[in-house]
C-alpha cells in the first residue's frame, strides 16, 4: 500500500485534507484510490485491494455497534 501511495495511486490521510480534487464516495476512511491528473477524483476503500483486510473506520464502527 505504501508503494502505491508513493506513486500517487493511493492517498493515505484524513478526508478533510483533500483539497485538489473531488471525493466520489462518502466512506469514512483514510485510504482513497486516486483517478485523474489535473483535477483528480478520490474513491474511498472499505477493504485493502491486495489482502482483503478491512481498512475503513466506517466498517470498524459498524462492527463495534453490534
Protein backbone atom coordinates (compact mmCIF):
# COMPACT_ATOMS: atom_id res chain seq x y z
CA UNK A 1 0.00 0.00 0.00
CA UNK A 2 2.85 2.40 0.80
CA UNK A 3 4.43 1.83 -2.62
CA UNK A 4 1.11 2.70 -4.29
CA UNK A 5 0.97 5.80 -2.12
CA UNK A 6 4.47 6.80 -3.23
CA UNK A 7 3.33 6.53 -6.86
CA UNK A 8 0.22 8.60 -6.00
CA UNK A 9 -2.28 5.88 -6.98
CA UNK A 10 -3.49 5.65 -3.38
CA UNK A 11 -3.83 8.57 -0.98
CA UNK A 12 -3.43 7.89 2.72
CA UNK A 13 -4.67 10.59 5.06
CA UNK A 14 -7.76 12.21 6.53
CA UNK A 15 -10.57 13.06 4.11
CA UNK A 16 -10.69 16.71 5.19
CA UNK A 17 -7.15 17.28 3.92
CA UNK A 18 -8.07 16.53 0.28
CA UNK A 19 -8.08 19.94 -1.37
CA UNK A 20 -7.16 19.39 -5.00
CA UNK A 21 -9.93 17.16 -6.29
CA UNK A 22 -13.37 15.74 -5.68
CA UNK A 23 -14.44 12.93 -3.42
CA UNK A 24 -16.57 10.34 -5.23
CA UNK A 25 -17.64 8.20 -2.25
CA UNK A 26 -18.85 9.00 1.26
CA UNK A 27 -16.84 6.28 3.00
CA UNK A 28 -15.26 7.15 6.36
CA UNK A 29 -11.71 6.03 5.62
CA UNK A 30 -8.18 7.37 5.29
CA UNK A 31 -7.45 5.27 2.19
CA UNK A 32 -8.55 6.60 -1.20
CA UNK A 33 -7.86 5.49 -4.76
CA UNK A 34 -6.81 8.45 -6.91
CA UNK A 35 -8.04 8.82 -10.51
CA UNK A 36 -7.10 11.54 -12.98
CA UNK A 37 -4.31 14.04 -13.49
CA UNK A 38 -5.35 17.72 -13.48
CA UNK A 39 -8.29 17.54 -11.06
CA UNK A 40 -8.22 14.03 -9.56
CA UNK A 41 -11.15 12.13 -8.13
CA UNK A 42 -10.83 10.12 -4.93
CA UNK A 43 -12.76 6.93 -4.14
CA UNK A 44 -12.68 5.64 -0.57
CA UNK A 45 -11.87 2.00 0.11
CA UNK A 46 -13.51 -0.31 2.65
CA UNK A 47 -11.02 -3.15 2.09
CA UNK A 48 -7.37 -3.44 1.11
CA UNK A 49 -7.32 -4.49 -2.57
CA UNK A 50 -4.33 -6.80 -2.00
CA UNK A 51 -5.02 -8.66 1.26
CA UNK A 52 -8.76 -8.06 1.79
CA UNK A 53 -8.33 -6.64 5.30
CA UNK A 54 -10.94 -4.11 6.46
CA UNK A 55 -9.32 -0.64 6.43
CA UNK A 56 -12.20 1.82 6.77
CA UNK A 57 -13.38 3.40 10.01
CA UNK A 58 -16.93 3.06 8.69
CA UNK A 59 -16.80 -0.76 8.82
CA UNK A 60 -14.97 -0.70 12.15
CA UNK A 61 -17.71 1.50 13.66
CA UNK A 62 -20.47 -0.79 12.32
CA UNK A 63 -18.83 -3.85 13.88
CA UNK A 64 -18.34 -2.01 17.16
CA UNK A 65 -22.08 -1.24 17.43
CA UNK A 66 -23.06 -4.94 17.17
